[in-house]
Amino acid sequence: TPTINAEQAVEHVKAKSVTVPDGSGRQQTFTIPSNAALTARQLVVYARPSPDQSKGLQLHLAWEVEVTNGPMKMVYLDAISDQVIAVT
């Protein structure tokens, strides 16, 4: 069961910097500009590799938040832990 709703997901993404690993594993931090429009599109199951590659995939229940006029197009916010898990 999600612990945050769609409106809270948008507010949480707006309120904090987004830190995610890039393709080589280095951490990158982005700030959502104040003129960016954010919309929670849907609740999704987001799969990503486990930190220990031998253990397969991790599945996350996440809000897909669309960003217009920002440094990324989508932010995936874990709906249970309230952490950004990916950006595109």
C-alpha atoms as a PDB file:
ATOM      1  CA  THR A   1       0.000   0.000   0.000  1.00  0.00           C
ATOM      2  CA  PRO A   2       1.448   3.415  -0.920  1.00  0.00           C
ATOM      3  CA  THR A   3       2.304   5.693   2.002  1.00  0.00           C
ATOM      4  CA  ILE A   4       2.116   8.850  -0.133  1.00  0.00           C
ATOM      5  CA  ASN A   5      -0.530   9.918  -2.629  1.00  0.00           C
ATOM      6  CA  ALA A   6      -0.103  11.561  -6.053  1.00  0.00           C
ATOM      7  CA  GLU A   7      -0.283  15.132  -4.735  1.00  0.00           C
ATOM      8  CA  GLN A   8       2.275  14.404  -2.023  1.00  0.00           C
ATOM      9  CA  ALA A   9       4.580  12.786  -4.605  1.00  0.00           C
ATOM     10  CA  VAL A  10       4.564  15.972  -6.699  1.00  0.00           C
ATOM     11  CA  GLU A  11       5.240  18.144  -3.652  1.00  0.00           C
ATOM     12  CA  HIS A  12       8.062  15.879  -2.450  1.00  0.00           C
ATOM     13  CA  VAL A  13       9.775  15.924  -5.861  1.00  0.00           C
ATOM     14  CA  LYS A  14       9.450  19.749  -6.001  1.00  0.00           C
ATOM     15  CA  ALA A  15      10.784  20.221  -2.484  1.00  0.00           C
ATOM     16  CA  LYS A  16      14.043  18.318  -2.718  1.00  0.00           C
ATOM     17  CA  SER A  17      17.006  17.905  -4.996  1.00  0.00           C
ATOM     18  CA  VAL A  18      17.012  14.719  -7.024  1.00  0.00           C
ATOM     19  CA  THR A  19      20.142  12.575  -6.586  1.00  0.00           C
ATOM     20  CA  VAL A  20      20.517   9.499  -8.764  1.00  0.00           C
ATOM     21  CA  PRO A  21      23.421   7.450 -10.118  1.00  0.00           C
ATOM     22  CA  ASP A  22      24.342   7.981 -13.753  1.00  0.00           C
ATOM     23  CA  GLY A  23      25.180   5.132 -16.138  1.00  0.00           C
ATOM     24  CA  SER A  24      28.649   4.691 -14.622  1.00  0.00           C
ATOM     25  CA  GLY A  25      27.387   4.678 -11.027  1.00  0.00           C
ATOM     26  CA  ARG A  26      28.478   8.219 -10.070  1.00  0.00           C
ATOM     27  CA  GLN A  27      25.916  10.255  -8.119  1.00  0.00           C
ATOM     28  CA  GLN A  28      24.417  13.275  -9.882  1.00  0.00           C
ATOM     29  CA  THR A  29      22.207  15.889  -8.210  1.00  0.00           C
ATOM     30  CA  PHE A  30      19.533  17.894 -10.025  1.00  0.00           C
ATOM     31  CA  THR A  31      17.312  20.679  -8.758  1.00  0.00           C
ATOM     32  CA  ILE A  32      13.838  21.076 -10.211  1.00  0.00           C
ATOM     33  CA  PRO A  33      13.484  24.735 -11.335  1.00  0.00           C
ATOM     34  CA  SER A  34      10.620  26.781  -9.901  1.00  0.00           C
ATOM     35  CA  ASN A  35       9.074  27.240 -13.376  1.00  0.00           C
ATOM     36  CA  ALA A  36       8.868  23.473 -13.974  1.00  0.00           C
ATOM     37  CA  ALA A  37       5.426  21.875 -14.056  1.00  0.00           C
ATOM     38  CA  LEU A  38       5.099  18.484 -12.359  1.00  0.00           C
ATOM     39  CA  THR A  39       2.279  15.993 -12.832  1.00  0.00           C
ATOM     40  CA  ALA A  40       1.894  12.606 -11.142  1.00  0.00           C
ATOM     41  CA  ARG A  41       0.900  10.435 -14.089  1.00  0.00           C
ATOM     42  CA  GLN A  42       0.365   7.027 -12.544  1.00  0.00           C
ATOM     43  CA  LEU A  43       1.385   4.497  -9.944  1.00  0.00           C
ATOM     44  CA  VAL A  44       3.733   1.956 -11.555  1.00  0.00           C
ATOM     45  CA  VAL A  45       5.841  -1.064 -10.702  1.00  0.00           C
ATOM     46  CA  TYR A  46       9.427  -0.002 -11.439  1.00  0.00           C
ATOM     47  CA  ALA A  47      12.025  -2.751 -11.862  1.00  0.00           C
ATOM     48  CA  ARG A  48      15.722  -2.084 -11.521  1.00  0.00           C
ATOM     49  CA  PRO A  49      18.805  -4.259 -11.000  1.00  0.00           C
ATOM     50  CA  SER A  50      19.606  -5.268  -7.450  1.00  0.00           C
ATOM     51  CA  PRO A  51      22.743  -3.605  -6.023  1.00  0.00           C
ATOM     52  CA  ASP A  52      24.153  -7.125  -5.837  1.00  0.00           C
ATOM     53  CA  GLN A  53      23.868  -8.045  -9.538  1.00  0.00           C
ATOM     54  CA  SER A  54      23.608 -11.757  -8.724  1.00  0.00           C
ATOM     55  CA  LYS A  55      20.252 -11.300  -6.950  1.00  0.00           C
ATOM     56  CA  GLY A  56      18.163 -10.272  -9.966  1.00  0.00           C
ATOM     57  CA  LEU A  57      15.748  -7.351  -9.910  1.00  0.00           C
ATOM     58  CA  GLN A  58      14.214  -5.102  -7.267  1.00  0.00           C
ATOM     59  CA  LEU A  59      10.574  -4.157  -7.759  1.00  0.00           C
ATOM     60  CA  HIS A  60       9.339  -0.802  -6.484  1.00  0.00           C
ATOM     61  CA  LEU A  61       5.835   0.624  -6.267  1.00  0.00           C
ATOM     62  CA  ALA A  62       6.460   4.149  -7.540  1.00  0.00           C
ATOM     63  CA  TRP A  63       4.804   7.333  -8.697  1.00  0.00           C
ATOM     64  CA  GLU A  64       5.729   8.332 -12.236  1.00  0.00           C
ATOM     65  CA  VAL A  65       6.035  12.122 -12.073  1.00  0.00           C
ATOM     66  CA  GLU A  66       6.256  13.993 -15.385  1.00  0.00           C
ATOM     67  CA  VAL A  67       8.467  17.107 -15.409  1.00  0.00           C
ATOM     68  CA  THR A  68       7.894  19.893 -17.942  1.00  0.00           C
ATOM     69  CA  ASN A  69      10.605  22.588 -18.292  1.00  0.00           C
ATOM     70  CA  GLY A  70      13.064  20.701 -16.099  1.00  0.00           C
ATOM     71  CA  PRO A  71      16.424  18.927 -16.398  1.00  0.00           C
ATOM     72  CA  MET A  72      14.681  15.543 -16.813  1.00  0.00           C
ATOM     73  CA  LYS A  73      11.392  14.252 -18.273  1.00  0.00           C
ATOM     74  CA  MET A  74      10.299  11.762 -15.592  1.00  0.00           C
ATOM     75  CA  VAL A  75      11.047  11.188 -11.935  1.00  0.00           C
ATOM     76  CA  TYR A  76      10.142   7.882 -10.291  1.00  0.00           C
ATOM     77  CA  LEU A  77       9.432   8.305  -6.581  1.00  0.00           C
ATOM     78  CA  ASP A  78       9.085   5.182  -4.447  1.00  0.00           C
ATOM     79  CA  ALA A  79       5.528   5.332  -3.087  1.00  0.00           C
ATOM     80  CA  ILE A  80       6.494   3.554   0.127  1.00  0.00           C
ATOM     81  CA  SER A  81       9.985   4.828   1.056  1.00  0.00           C
ATOM     82  CA  ASP A  82       9.470   8.331  -0.467  1.00  0.00           C
ATOM     83  CA  GLN A  83      12.853   8.189  -2.233  1.00  0.00           C
ATOM     84  CA  VAL A  84      13.667   9.012  -5.828  1.00  0.00           C
ATOM     85  CA  ILE A  85      14.678   5.754  -7.483  1.00  0.00           C
ATOM     86  CA  ALA A  86      15.176   6.857 -11.095  1.00  0.00           C
ATOM     87  CA  VAL A  87      14.947   9.697 -13.583  1.00  0.00           C
ATOM     88  CA  THR A  88      14.712   9.769 -17.356  1.00  0.00           C
END
